[in-house]
Structures are given as C-alpha cells and as structure tokens.
C-alpha atoms as a PDB file:
ATOM      1  CA  MET A   1       0.328  -5.711 -22.983  1.00  0.00           C
ATOM      2  CA  LYS A   2      -1.545  -8.125 -24.679  1.00  0.00           C
ATOM      3  CA  PHE A   3      -3.370  -7.453 -27.865  1.00  0.00           C
ATOM      4  CA  MET A   4      -5.674 -10.502 -28.595  1.00  0.00           C
ATOM      5  CA  PRO A   5      -9.058 -10.915 -27.167  1.00  0.00           C
ATOM      6  CA  GLY A   6     -10.072 -13.218 -23.917  1.00  0.00           C
ATOM      7  CA  THR A   7      -9.376 -13.386 -20.312  1.00  0.00           C
ATOM      8  CA  ARG A   8      -6.557 -11.746 -18.737  1.00  0.00           C
ATOM      9  CA  ASP A   9      -5.204 -13.468 -15.450  1.00  0.00           C
ATOM     10  CA  GLY A  10      -6.202 -11.254 -12.588  1.00  0.00           C
ATOM     11  CA  LEU A  11      -3.082  -9.426  -9.744  1.00  0.00           C
ATOM     12  CA  MET A  12      -4.146  -9.608  -6.020  1.00  0.00           C
ATOM     13  CA  ILE A  13      -1.565  -7.065  -4.223  1.00  0.00           C
ATOM     14  CA  ASN A  14      -1.593  -7.689  -0.058  1.00  0.00           C
ATOM     15  CA  GLY A  15      -0.299  -5.983   2.412  1.00  0.00           C
ATOM     16  CA  GLY A  16      -1.163  -4.363   6.005  1.00  0.00           C
ATOM     17  CA  GLY A  17      -2.613  -1.511   6.632  1.00  0.00           C
ATOM     18  CA  PHE A  18      -0.528   1.713   5.863  1.00  0.00           C
ATOM     19  CA  GLN A  19       1.815  -0.338   3.437  1.00  0.00           C
ATOM     20  CA  GLY A  20       1.769   1.586   0.618  1.00  0.00           C
ATOM     21  CA  LYS A  21       0.017  -0.857  -1.178  1.00  0.00           C
ATOM     22  CA  THR A  22      -2.081   1.717  -3.140  1.00  0.00           C
ATOM     23  CA  GLU A  23       0.608   4.243  -3.699  1.00  0.00           C
ATOM     24  CA  THR A  24       2.845   1.021  -5.163  1.00  0.00           C
ATOM     25  CA  ALA A  25      -0.218   0.003  -6.881  1.00  0.00           C
ATOM     26  CA  CYS A  26      -0.773   3.639  -8.951  1.00  0.00           C
ATOM     27  CA  ASP A  27       2.914   4.057  -9.261  1.00  0.00           C
ATOM     28  CA  ALA A  28       3.129   1.244 -11.519  1.00  0.00           C
ATOM     29  CA  ALA A  29      -0.083   1.272 -13.201  1.00  0.00           C
ATOM     30  CA  ALA A  30       0.948   5.047 -13.979  1.00  0.00           C
ATOM     31  CA  SER A  31       4.212   4.015 -15.956  1.00  0.00           C
ATOM     32  CA  PHE A  32       2.231   1.233 -17.745  1.00  0.00           C
ATOM     33  CA  GLU A  33      -0.091   4.326 -18.615  1.00  0.00           C
ATOM     34  CA  ASP A  34       2.873   6.061 -20.007  1.00  0.00           C
ATOM     35  CA  VAL A  35       3.980   3.282 -22.225  1.00  0.00           C
ATOM     36  CA  TRP A  36       0.904   2.435 -23.565  1.00  0.00           C
ATOM     37  CA  ARG A  37      -0.556   5.685 -24.941  1.00  0.00           C
ATOM     38  CA  VAL A  38       3.348   5.682 -26.693  1.00  0.00           C
ATOM     39  CA  VAL A  39       2.165   2.438 -27.927  1.00  0.00           C
ATOM     40  CA  HIS A  40      -1.214   3.776 -29.361  1.00  0.00           C
ATOM     41  CA  HIS A  41       0.058   7.231 -30.183  1.00  0.00           C
ATOM     42  CA  GLN A  42      -0.844   7.126 -33.739  1.00  0.00           C
ATOM     43  CA  LEU A  43      -4.536   6.171 -32.865  1.00  0.00           C
ATOM     44  CA  LEU A  44      -5.334   8.436 -30.145  1.00  0.00           C
ATOM     45  CA  PRO A  45      -7.992  11.339 -30.892  1.00  0.00           C
ATOM     46  CA  GLY A  46      -6.883  14.888 -30.617  1.00  0.00           C
ATOM     47  CA  PRO A  47      -7.716  16.319 -27.202  1.00  0.00           C
ATOM     48  CA  THR A  48     -11.161  18.578 -27.322  1.00  0.00           C
ATOM     49  CA  PRO A  49     -11.035  21.133 -24.207  1.00  0.00           C
ATOM     50  CA  GLY A  50     -13.731  20.658 -21.793  1.00  0.00           C
ATOM     51  CA  THR A  51     -14.407  17.336 -22.751  1.00  0.00           C
ATOM     52  CA  ARG A  52     -12.811  14.191 -20.912  1.00  0.00           C
ATOM     53  CA  ASP A  53     -10.556  11.813 -22.195  1.00  0.00           C
ATOM     54  CA  VAL A  54     -11.522   9.028 -24.779  1.00  0.00           C
ATOM     55  CA  PHE A  55      -9.117   6.673 -24.372  1.00  0.00           C
ATOM     56  CA  VAL A  56      -8.290   5.815 -20.157  1.00  0.00           C
ATOM     57  CA  PRO A  57      -6.210   2.744 -20.492  1.00  0.00           C
ATOM     58  CA  VAL A  58      -6.147   2.675 -16.502  1.00  0.00           C
ATOM     59  CA  ALA A  59      -8.866   3.072 -13.930  1.00  0.00           C
ATOM     60  CA  TYR A  60      -8.725   3.302 -10.339  1.00  0.00           C
ATOM     61  CA  CYS A  61     -11.493   3.433  -8.021  1.00  0.00           C
ATOM     62  CA  ARG A  62     -12.312   2.164  -3.879  1.00  0.00           C
ATOM     63  CA  LEU A  63     -14.646  -0.322  -3.075  1.00  0.00           C
ATOM     64  CA  PRO A  64     -17.248   1.513  -0.528  1.00  0.00           C
ATOM     65  CA  VAL A  65     -17.320   0.826   2.800  1.00  0.00           C
ATOM     66  CA  ARG A  66     -20.780  -1.631   2.196  1.00  0.00           C
ATOM     67  CA  ALA A  67     -20.571  -3.207  -0.677  1.00  0.00           C
ATOM     68  CA  THR A  68     -22.921  -3.976  -3.441  1.00  0.00           C
ATOM     69  CA  PRO A  69     -23.403  -4.291  -7.088  1.00  0.00           C
ATOM     70  CA  LYS A  70     -24.795  -1.121  -7.616  1.00  0.00           C
ATOM     71  CA  GLY A  71     -21.843   0.805  -5.202  1.00  0.00           C
ATOM     72  CA  LEU A  72     -19.417  -0.770  -7.367  1.00  0.00           C
ATOM     73  CA  CYS A  73     -20.958  -0.210 -10.721  1.00  0.00           C
ATOM     74  CA  LYS A  74     -21.302   3.677  -9.359  1.00  0.00           C
ATOM     75  CA  ALA A  75     -18.046   3.754  -8.306  1.00  0.00           C
ATOM     76  CA  ILE A  76     -16.351   2.967 -11.689  1.00  0.00           C
ATOM     77  CA  LEU A  77     -18.932   4.832 -13.748  1.00  0.00           C
ATOM     78  CA  ASN A  78     -17.523   7.724 -11.583  1.00  0.00           C
ATOM     79  CA  VAL A  79     -13.914   7.323 -13.045  1.00  0.00           C
ATOM     80  CA  TYR A  80     -15.200   8.240 -16.768  1.00  0.00           C
ATOM     81  CA  GLY A  81     -17.944  10.595 -15.533  1.00  0.00           C
ATOM     82  CA  ASN A  82     -20.582   8.483 -16.538  1.00  0.00           C
ATOM     83  CA  PRO A  83     -24.252   9.069 -15.687  1.00  0.00           C
ATOM     84  CA  HIS A  84     -25.539   6.002 -13.146  1.00  0.00           C
ATOM     85  CA  PRO A  85     -28.840   4.040 -14.343  1.00  0.00           C
ATOM     86  CA  GLY A  86     -31.267   3.420 -12.180  1.00  0.00           C
ATOM     87  CA  THR A  87     -31.594  -0.305 -12.255  1.00  0.00           C
ATOM     88  CA  LEU A  88     -28.653  -2.917 -11.483  1.00  0.00           C
ATOM     89  CA  ASP A  89     -28.915  -4.790 -14.981  1.00  0.00           C
ATOM     90  CA  ASP A  90     -28.384  -1.264 -17.033  1.00  0.00           C
ATOM     91  CA  LEU A  91     -25.814  -0.455 -14.524  1.00  0.00           C
ATOM     92  CA  VAL A  92     -23.802  -3.296 -15.168  1.00  0.00           C
ATOM     93  CA  ARG A  93     -24.471  -3.038 -18.915  1.00  0.00           C
ATOM     94  CA  ALA A  94     -23.075   0.693 -18.567  1.00  0.00           C
ATOM     95  CA  VAL A  95     -20.036  -0.571 -16.651  1.00  0.00           C
ATOM     96  CA  ARG A  96     -19.130  -2.942 -19.638  1.00  0.00           C
ATOM     97  CA  ASP A  97     -19.797   0.023 -22.324  1.00  0.00           C
ATOM     98  CA  ALA A  98     -17.522   2.479 -20.755  1.00  0.00           C
ATOM     99  CA  ILE A  99     -14.804  -0.218 -19.729  1.00  0.00           C
ATOM    100  CA  ARG A 100     -14.966  -1.228 -23.645  1.00  0.00           C
ATOM    101  CA  ASP A 101     -15.554   2.117 -25.523  1.00  0.00           C
ATOM    102  CA  HIS A 102     -12.533   3.547 -23.059  1.00  0.00           C
ATOM    103  CA  HIS A 103     -10.272   0.653 -23.853  1.00  0.00           C
ATOM    104  CA  THR A 104      -9.350  -0.161 -20.362  1.00  0.00           C
ATOM    105  CA  THR A 105      -7.006  -2.498 -19.774  1.00  0.00           C
ATOM    106  CA  ALA A 106      -6.076  -2.132 -16.207  1.00  0.00           C
ATOM    107  CA  LEU A 107      -8.510  -2.266 -13.619  1.00  0.00           C
ATOM    108  CA  LEU A 108      -7.533  -1.284  -9.711  1.00  0.00           C
ATOM    109  CA  ILE A 109     -10.310  -1.792  -7.174  1.00  0.00           C
ATOM    110  CA  ASP A 110      -8.889  -1.226  -3.874  1.00  0.00           C
ATOM    111  CA  ASP A 111     -10.357  -2.189  -0.140  1.00  0.00           C
ATOM    112  CA  ILE A 112     -11.078  -4.828  -1.740  1.00  0.00           C
ATOM    113  CA  THR A 113     -11.319  -6.762   1.649  1.00  0.00           C
ATOM    114  CA  ARG A 114     -14.169  -4.927   2.487  1.00  0.00           C
ATOM    115  CA  LEU A 115     -16.030  -7.617   1.065  1.00  0.00           C
ATOM    116  CA  ARG A 116     -17.749  -9.865   3.547  1.00  0.00           C
ATOM    117  CA  LEU A 117     -18.730 -12.944   2.677  1.00  0.00           C
ATOM    118  CA  HIS A 118     -21.421 -13.887   4.802  1.00  0.00           C
ATOM    119  CA  ARG A 119     -23.522 -11.172   3.402  1.00  0.00           C
ATOM    120  CA  GLU A 120     -25.146 -12.019  -0.307  1.00  0.00           C
ATOM    121  CA  ASP A 121     -24.613  -8.415  -1.763  1.00  0.00           C
ATOM    122  CA  ASP A 122     -21.049  -8.929  -0.752  1.00  0.00           C
ATOM    123  CA  GLN A 123     -20.791 -12.019  -2.283  1.00  0.00           C
ATOM    124  CA  ASP A 124     -22.659 -10.811  -5.811  1.00  0.00           C
ATOM    125  CA  THR A 125     -19.942  -8.105  -5.789  1.00  0.00           C
ATOM    126  CA  LEU A 126     -17.103 -10.513  -5.966  1.00  0.00           C
ATOM    127  CA  ASP A 127     -19.200 -12.396  -8.446  1.00  0.00           C
ATOM    128  CA  LEU A 128     -19.652  -8.946 -10.594  1.00  0.00           C
ATOM    129  CA  ILE A 129     -15.850  -7.992 -10.368  1.00  0.00           C
ATOM    130  CA  ARG A 130     -14.634 -11.334 -11.799  1.00  0.00           C
ATOM    131  CA  GLU A 131     -16.955 -11.535 -14.076  1.00  0.00           C
ATOM    132  CA  LEU A 132     -15.310  -7.557 -15.324  1.00  0.00           C
ATOM    133  CA  MET A 133     -12.203 -10.090 -16.966  1.00  0.00           C
ATOM    134  CA  ASP A 134     -14.158 -10.933 -19.970  1.00  0.00           C
ATOM    135  CA  LEU A 135     -13.747  -7.936 -21.029  1.00  0.00           C
ATOM    136  CA  ASN A 136     -10.207  -8.392 -22.195  1.00  0.00           C
ATOM    137  CA  VAL A 137      -9.244  -6.315 -18.682  1.00  0.00           C
ATOM    138  CA  THR A 138      -6.580  -7.058 -16.119  1.00  0.00           C
ATOM    139  CA  LEU A 139      -7.877  -6.464 -12.660  1.00  0.00           C
ATOM    140  CA  ILE A 140      -5.772  -5.492  -9.617  1.00  0.00           C
ATOM    141  CA  LEU A 141      -7.318  -6.104  -6.413  1.00  0.00           C
ATOM    142  CA  ILE A 142      -5.698  -4.499  -3.584  1.00  0.00           C
ATOM    143  CA  GLY A 143      -6.533  -5.135   0.430  1.00  0.00           C
ATOM    144  CA  VAL A 144      -5.604  -6.028   3.231  1.00  0.00           C
ATOM    145  CA  ASP A 145      -4.880  -9.584   4.539  1.00  0.00           C
ATOM    146  CA  ILE A 146      -6.403 -11.025   1.884  1.00  0.00           C
ATOM    147  CA  PRO A 147      -5.486 -14.753   2.529  1.00  0.00           C
ATOM    148  CA  GLY A 148      -7.504 -14.468   6.098  1.00  0.00           C
ATOM    149  CA  SER A 149     -10.384 -12.374   4.539  1.00  0.00           C
ATOM    150  CA  GLY A 150     -12.170 -14.838   3.339  1.00  0.00           C
ATOM    151  CA  LEU A 151     -11.752 -13.750  -0.520  1.00  0.00           C
ATOM    152  CA  LEU A 152     -10.056 -16.590  -1.502  1.00  0.00           C
ATOM    153  CA  ARG A 153     -12.797 -19.328  -0.571  1.00  0.00           C
ATOM    154  CA  GLY A 154     -13.842 -21.610  -3.386  1.00  0.00           C
ATOM    155  CA  ALA A 155     -10.298 -20.610  -4.830  1.00  0.00           C
ATOM    156  CA  TYR A 156      -7.519 -23.352  -5.309  1.00  0.00           C
ATOM    157  CA  VAL A 157      -3.460 -23.181  -6.406  1.00  0.00           C
ATOM    158  CA  ASP A 158      -2.854 -24.266  -9.458  1.00  0.00           C
ATOM    159  CA  GLN A 159       0.537 -26.376  -8.348  1.00  0.00           C
ATOM    160  CA  ARG A 160       1.999 -25.613 -12.024  1.00  0.00           C
ATOM    161  CA  THR A 161       1.339 -21.797 -12.522  1.00  0.00           C
ATOM    162  CA  GLY A 162       1.019 -21.041  -8.793  1.00  0.00           C
ATOM    163  CA  GLN A 163      -1.977 -19.199  -9.449  1.00  0.00           C
ATOM    164  CA  TRP A 164      -4.596 -19.032  -7.327  1.00  0.00           C
ATOM    165  CA  VAL A 165      -7.782 -20.443  -9.528  1.00  0.00           C
ATOM    166  CA  PHE A 166     -11.748 -19.275  -9.110  1.00  0.00           C
ATOM    167  CA  PRO A 167     -14.426 -21.650 -10.586  1.00  0.00           C
ATOM    168  CA  ASP A 168     -17.322 -20.358 -11.947  1.00  0.00           C
ATOM    169  CA  ASN A 169     -19.747 -20.298  -8.479  1.00  0.00           C
ATOM    170  CA  GLY A 170     -22.735 -21.502 -11.207  1.00  0.00           C
ATOM    171  CA  ARG A 171     -25.052 -19.422  -9.342  1.00  0.00           C
ATOM    172  CA  GLY A 172     -26.464 -17.608 -12.537  1.00  0.00           C
ATOM    173  CA  GLY A 173     -27.073 -14.198 -10.452  1.00  0.00           C
ATOM    174  CA  ARG A 174     -29.012 -11.072 -12.743  1.00  0.00           C
ATOM    175  CA  HIS A 175     -25.859 -10.133 -13.790  1.00  0.00           C
ATOM    176  CA  ASN A 176     -23.702 -13.095 -14.481  1.00  0.00           C
ATOM    177  CA  THR A 177     -24.213 -12.381 -18.122  1.00  0.00           C
ATOM    178  CA  ALA A 178     -21.048 -14.797 -18.567  1.00  0.00           C
ATOM    179  CA  ALA A 179     -21.838 -17.629 -16.611  1.00  0.00           C
ATOM    180  CA  ALA A 180     -21.776 -19.806 -19.715  1.00  0.00           C
ATOM    181  CA  THR A 181     -18.447 -19.523 -19.956  1.00  0.00           C
ATOM    182  CA  GLN A 182     -17.498 -22.013 -17.382  1.00  0.00           C
ATOM    183  CA  THR A 183     -13.771 -21.146 -17.490  1.00  0.00           C
ATOM    184  CA  GLY A 184     -11.865 -20.459 -14.275  1.00  0.00           C
ATOM    185  CA  ARG A 185     -10.555 -16.412 -13.452  1.00  0.00           C
ATOM    186  CA  ARG A 186      -6.636 -16.572 -12.059  1.00  0.00           C
ATOM    187  CA  PHE A 187      -4.833 -14.360 -10.618  1.00  0.00           C
ATOM    188  CA  ASP A 188      -1.409 -14.059  -9.224  1.00  0.00           C
ATOM    189  CA  MET A 189      -1.015 -12.604  -5.568  1.00  0.00           C
ATOM    190  CA  VAL A 190       1.964 -10.478  -4.738  1.00  0.00           C
ATOM    191  CA  ASP A 191       3.120  -9.540  -0.886  1.00  0.00           C
ATOM    192  CA  LEU A 192       4.474  -6.101   0.084  1.00  0.00           C
ATOM    193  CA  ASP A 193       5.934  -7.041   3.421  1.00  0.00           C
ATOM    194  CA  PRO A 194       7.305  -4.556   6.365  1.00  0.00           C
ATOM    195  CA  PHE A 195      10.455  -3.060   6.055  1.00  0.00           C
ATOM    196  CA  ASP A 196      13.869  -4.784   7.852  1.00  0.00           C
ATOM    197  CA  TYR A 197      16.744  -2.849   9.162  1.00  0.00           C
ATOM    198  CA  SER A 198      18.372  -4.235   5.619  1.00  0.00           C
ATOM    199  CA  THR A 199      16.109  -1.532   3.164  1.00  0.00           C
ATOM    200  CA  PRO A 200      17.626   1.306   1.985  1.00  0.00           C
ATOM    201  CA  ALA A 201      16.314   4.511   3.419  1.00  0.00           C
ATOM    202  CA  GLY A 202      15.521   6.448   0.220  1.00  0.00           C
ATOM    203  CA  ILE A 203      14.036   8.921   2.367  1.00  0.00           C
ATOM    204  CA  GLU A 204      16.994   9.876   3.872  1.00  0.00           C
ATOM    205  CA  ASP A 205      18.060  11.966   0.971  1.00  0.00           C
ATOM    206  CA  GLN A 206      14.961  14.197   0.358  1.00  0.00           C
ATOM    207  CA  LEU A 207      15.051  15.222   3.886  1.00  0.00           C
ATOM    208  CA  ARG A 208      16.524  18.947   3.982  1.00  0.00           C
ATOM    209  CA  LEU A 209      17.279  19.498   7.568  1.00  0.00           C
ATOM    210  CA  LEU A 210      20.166  21.999   8.259  1.00  0.00           C
ATOM    211  CA  ARG A 211      22.175  19.866  10.458  1.00  0.00           C
ATOM    212  CA  SER A 212      21.263  16.249   8.561  1.00  0.00           C
ATOM    213  CA  PHE A 213      23.748  13.879   7.440  1.00  0.00           C
ATOM    214  CA  GLU A 214      24.288  10.632   5.736  1.00  0.00           C
ATOM    215  CA  GLY A 215      23.593   7.790   7.814  1.00  0.00           C
ATOM    216  CA  MET A 216      21.256  10.040   9.984  1.00  0.00           C
ATOM    217  CA  LEU A 217      18.508   7.078   9.744  1.00  0.00           C
ATOM    218  CA  THR A 218      20.094   3.680   8.554  1.00  0.00           C
ATOM    219  CA  THR A 219      23.414   3.951  11.255  1.00  0.00           C
ATOM    220  CA  GLY A 220      23.582   3.398  15.003  1.00  0.00           C
ATOM    221  CA  GLU A 221      20.433   3.003  17.091  1.00  0.00           C
ATOM    222  CA  MET A 222      18.693   4.952  14.424  1.00  0.00           C
ATOM    223  CA  PRO A 223      17.297   1.699  12.531  1.00  0.00           C
ATOM    224  CA  GLU A 224      15.906  -0.341  15.430  1.00  0.00           C
ATOM    225  CA  TYR A 225      14.150   2.385  17.072  1.00  0.00           C
ATOM    226  CA  LEU A 226      12.556   3.452  14.096  1.00  0.00           C
ATOM    227  CA  PHE A 227      11.278  -0.042  13.360  1.00  0.00           C
ATOM    228  CA  GLY A 228      10.572  -0.143  17.023  1.00  0.00           C
ATOM    229  CA  ARG A 229       8.157   3.059  16.838  1.00  0.00           C
ATOM    230  CA  THR A 230       6.475   1.542  13.813  1.00  0.00           C
ATOM    231  CA  ARG A 231       6.612  -2.253  13.373  1.00  0.00           C
ATOM    232  CA  GLY A 232       8.243  -1.691   9.865  1.00  0.00           C
ATOM    233  CA  VAL A 233       4.687  -0.581   8.547  1.00  0.00           C
ATOM    234  CA  VAL A 234       6.088   2.623   6.036  1.00  0.00           C
ATOM    235  CA  GLY A 235       3.203   4.733   6.182  1.00  0.00           C
ATOM    236  CA  LEU A 236       3.973   4.646   9.792  1.00  0.00           C
ATOM    237  CA  LEU A 237       7.310   5.660   9.389  1.00  0.00           C
ATOM    238  CA  ARG A 238       6.560   8.311   7.061  1.00  0.00           C
ATOM    239  CA  ARG A 239       3.964  10.472   9.397  1.00  0.00           C
ATOM    240  CA  LEU A 240       7.043   9.905  12.134  1.00  0.00           C
ATOM    241  CA  ILE A 241       9.560  11.380  10.196  1.00  0.00           C
ATOM    242  CA  GLU A 242       7.360  13.842   8.747  1.00  0.00           C
ATOM    243  CA  ASP A 243       6.301  14.943  12.108  1.00  0.00           C
ATOM    244  CA  GLY A 244       9.987  14.612  13.317  1.00  0.00           C
ATOM    245  CA  CYS A 245      10.950  17.305  10.823  1.00  0.00           C
ATOM    246  CA  THR A 246       8.499  19.387  11.893  1.00  0.00           C
ATOM    247  CA  GLU A 247       9.638  19.447  15.525  1.00  0.00           C
ATOM    248  CA  ALA A 248      13.455  19.479  14.673  1.00  0.00           C
ATOM    249  CA  ILE A 249      12.457  22.479  12.857  1.00  0.00           C
ATOM    250  CA  LEU A 250      10.585  24.491  15.498  1.00  0.00           C
ATOM    251  CA  THR A 251      12.983  23.255  18.000  1.00  0.00           C
ATOM    252  CA  GLY A 252      16.020  24.474  16.102  1.00  0.00           C
ATOM    253  CA  GLU A 253      17.466  20.795  16.268  1.00  0.00           C
ATOM    254  CA  GLU A 254      17.294  20.608  12.817  1.00  0.00           C
ATOM    255  CA  ARG A 255      18.200  16.863  12.878  1.00  0.00           C
ATOM    256  CA  LEU A 256      16.342  13.842  13.767  1.00  0.00           C
ATOM    257  CA  THR A 257      17.573  12.266  16.534  1.00  0.00           C
ATOM    258  CA  PRO A 258      15.701   8.996  18.897  1.00  0.00           C
ATOM    259  CA  GLU A 259      15.071  11.521  21.692  1.00  0.00           C
ATOM    260  CA  LEU A 260      13.642  13.724  19.480  1.00  0.00           C
ATOM    261  CA  LEU A 261      11.183  10.976  17.888  1.00  0.00           C
ATOM    262  CA  ALA A 262      10.721   9.737  21.327  1.00  0.00           C
ATOM    263  CA  LYS A 263       8.470  12.842  21.836  1.00  0.00           C
ATOM    264  CA  THR A 264       6.841  13.088  18.437  1.00  0.00           C
ATOM    265  CA  THR A 265       3.403  11.157  18.919  1.00  0.00           C
ATOM    266  CA  ILE A 266       2.165   9.066  14.927  1.00  0.00           C
ATOM    267  CA  HIS A 267      -1.028  11.331  13.729  1.00  0.00           C
ATOM    268  CA  LEU A 268      -2.558   9.148  11.112  1.00  0.00           C
ATOM    269  CA  GLY A 269      -4.798  12.152   9.716  1.00  0.00           C
ATOM    270  CA  ASN A 270      -8.127  11.433   8.935  1.00  0.00           C
ATOM    271  CA  LEU A 271      -9.292   7.529   8.889  1.00  0.00           C
ATOM    272  CA  ASP A 272     -13.103   8.258   7.945  1.00  0.00           C
ATOM    273  CA  ASP A 273     -12.643   6.371   5.057  1.00  0.00           C
ATOM    274  CA  LEU A 274     -10.536   3.605   6.237  1.00  0.00           C
ATOM    275  CA  ASP A 275     -12.668   0.503   7.650  1.00  0.00           C
ATOM    276  CA  PRO A 276     -10.843  -0.791  10.562  1.00  0.00           C
ATOM    277  CA  GLY A 277     -12.778  -3.853  10.026  1.00  0.00           C
ATOM    278  CA  ALA A 278     -10.914  -4.615   7.038  1.00  0.00           C
ATOM    279  CA  GLY A 279      -7.537  -4.223   8.775  1.00  0.00           C
ATOM    280  CA  GLU A 280      -7.152  -0.813   6.986  1.00  0.00           C
ATOM    281  CA  VAL A 281      -5.813   1.063  10.324  1.00  0.00           C
ATOM    282  CA  PRO A 282      -2.726  -0.358  11.525  1.00  0.00           C
ATOM    283  CA  ASP A 283      -1.324  -0.515  15.383  1.00  0.00           C
ATOM    284  CA  ILE A 284       0.556   2.325  16.576  1.00  0.00           C
ATOM    285  CA  PRO A 285       3.276   0.765  19.084  1.00  0.00           C
ATOM    286  CA  GLN A 286       3.012   2.892  21.998  1.00  0.00           C
ATOM    287  CA  ASN A 287       5.758   3.497  25.323  1.00  0.00           C
ATOM    288  CA  THR A 288       8.880   3.086  22.722  1.00  0.00           C
ATOM    289  CA  ALA A 289      11.547   4.267  24.462  1.00  0.00           C
ATOM    290  CA  PRO A 290      13.917   5.930  22.597  1.00  0.00           C
ATOM    291  CA  PRO A 291      17.853   3.599  23.326  1.00  0.00           C
ATOM    292  CA  THR A 292      20.083   4.147  26.414  1.00  0.00           C
ATOM    293  CA  LYS A 293      23.253   4.573  25.925  1.00  0.00           C
ATOM    294  CA  PRO A 294      25.231   2.486  28.283  1.00  0.00           C
ATOM    295  CA  LYS A 295      26.449   3.926  31.405  1.00  0.00           C
ATOM    296  CA  THR A 296      30.265   3.447  31.640  1.00  0.00           C
ATOM    297  CA  ARG A 297      31.966   3.021  34.952  1.00  0.00           C
ATOM    298  CA  ARG A 298      34.268   5.165  36.755  1.00  0.00           C
ATOM    299  CA  ARG A 299      37.799   3.662  36.394  1.00  0.00           C
ATOM    300  CA  ARG A 300      39.348   3.543  40.520  1.00  0.00           C
ATOM    301  CA  GLY A 301      42.052   5.506  40.863  1.00  0.00           C
ATOM    302  CA  ARG A 302      45.248   3.960  41.510  1.00  0.00           C
ATOM    303  CA  ASN A 303      47.218   3.612  44.654  1.00  0.00           C
ATOM    304  CA  THR A 304      49.991   5.669  44.782  1.00  0.00           C
ATOM    305  CA  VAL A 305      51.351   4.577  48.374  1.00  0.00           C
ATOM    306  CA  LEU A 306      53.879   3.281  47.254  1.00  0.00           C
ATOM    307  CA  ASP A 307      55.224   5.211  43.908  1.00  0.00           C
ATOM    308  CA  ASP A 308      58.682   6.380  43.739  1.00  0.00           C
ATOM    309  CA  ARG A 309      58.347   9.813  43.916  1.00  0.00           C
ATOM    310  CA  GLY A 310      62.387  11.043  42.768  1.00  0.00           C
ATOM    311  CA  ASN A 311      65.156  11.522  45.011  1.00  0.00           C
ATOM    312  CA  ARG A 312      64.041  12.669  48.106  1.00  0.00           C
ATOM    313  CA  PRO A 313      66.574  15.120  50.412  1.00  0.00           C
ATOM    314  CA  ALA A 314      68.447  12.876  53.060  1.00  0.00           C
ATOM    315  CA  ALA A 315      67.339  12.996  56.751  1.00  0.00           C
ATOM    316  CA  GLY A 316      69.148  16.041  58.858  1.00  0.00           C
ATOM    317  CA  ASP A 317      69.759  17.876  55.377  1.00  0.00           C
END
C-alpha cells in the first residue's frame, strides 16, 4: 500500500503440494486489487472495448518447468498480452516497461521451487526475479518446501526483523542493470501448514446432500479418518469430499460416512503441468481403512437356579 519509490520487501509463501498456496495467495491479491482500484478510482482510464486493461495492479504467472530468464520474461509479458522481443536484453527491457507502464504493484510468481540452482540458467532466473524488486513492485514467490529447495542459499535471517536477506551476488550478468545499487533484497516467509483436528470445517456448510447433518465431517470418527486419508493436505481433502459426494448421490446414501469414503479413490486429475521433482505432487496415503466399531461383548445370562419363583403348590395338593 506504499506510494513512495524504493525497493519493496518481498513475500515467500511456503507449503506442501496441493496445500492451497496458489488459491490463498490469489484470493488475497484479488482483495488487494479491489482496494487498490478504489484508491485510484479518480485516476483510472475509462474502459475501451476490445482492448486490454491499462491498469494492472496485480499480475500472476507460473515459472516454466525448465526455467530460463527468457522463459520467465515471456510468462510475465503474456499477462499483459505484449509481444516477445527476440533477445534477452530486449525481453528484460520489455518486462520492466510493462510492469512500470501498467502500474503493477504486486507480482505473483508461482512454482518458484522449480529452480535448480546447480544450473546456470536457473541462477540467472533467480537473479532476474530479485532485480525486479527495483520496480516498486512487491514480489510474491510461491513454492513447495522453499527452505529445503536451495533457493535460500547465500541468504541469511536478519535477527532484528526476522526477514530473509539476499545480498547482491555481484556476478554482473547481462540483465543485471541494477547491480550498482548493491542493496539486499528482503523477503518475509509465511507457511501454510496442513489442517489439524481443530481446523474449522467450512466445507461442511457447502455440501448439499439430502441426509447431511451438522457435524457430519467434524464429529465422531470422521475427523480422524479424514486426516488419515489426506495427512491434512487441503487439496487431497477437497478431492476426496468431492468424489465422495458424487458416490453418495449415485448410491442414494446422500451423506458422507467413513465406510462410503473408504470406497472412494482420490484422483488428482491432470498432472501434466506439475513438476513431481519440485514436490508439487503430494503422496496419497494408501490402504487407510475406515474405523471399526468396537465389538460389544454379549452379557452372560444370570444363573436362575436358586431364584424364588413364588408360591408353589404343596406336595400332595
């Protein structure tokens, strides 16, 4: 929400695959864009049919599986619908011009842990990402297991602020037009953890099964079973419940039970655009049986031999 010029602190969003990082970040960015457009209402150009928006406060792109500076530049330019120049220098210049001309203040780059820093192209791509912070834009990097990916190599935690600091590497690449600033790039890091038993089940309110009831997913044996099937990964939980609802409707059960979900296989859908090597595809727990109800022991009958059965007729009567 700053107006003054200068390098903006970045944000890293860390979590497991299918953990909801992208959805959470994009939802927050959309709310920010709504606020930012209201702030700039009097300065916004009017809409022109058949043209792209001139004011783009938030831009989102994904890092290509095989990351290169050229590939990243093309992914960013695609957001604005701009053409791709032929050389790297022209691509970087076009990206800088597009971010500045469209007044972009938040740039989201997803799948950042696809970078493998043992490759020179990947190192150059990370350098380029950090240099974009000079454009008064807040960088939001989204990835799986960022601390363990090697992206923080050379960075250190500022004990005073708790931020990760990336000092300039001084390599002086062709696109390193901001190397003379010699300023550290700072990032905060937030973690999206798996859900636990105490997590409110908001999804329960969205189900439209005829026999659903309050606490269907949050009481009894269901929370433990759902956690065992998904390990707290919200993406797996959503797929399990969606497929379970389909099964409940087709069979006429019209409610979710551990026994019904035990027959439901979690399908992740199309994985062609995901990189398993970057941890983007989570492991699905297998052979998770539904909880078994404890057997009730049959009570042994009472010996009634000595019971007084009331008045009996006397012998000889």
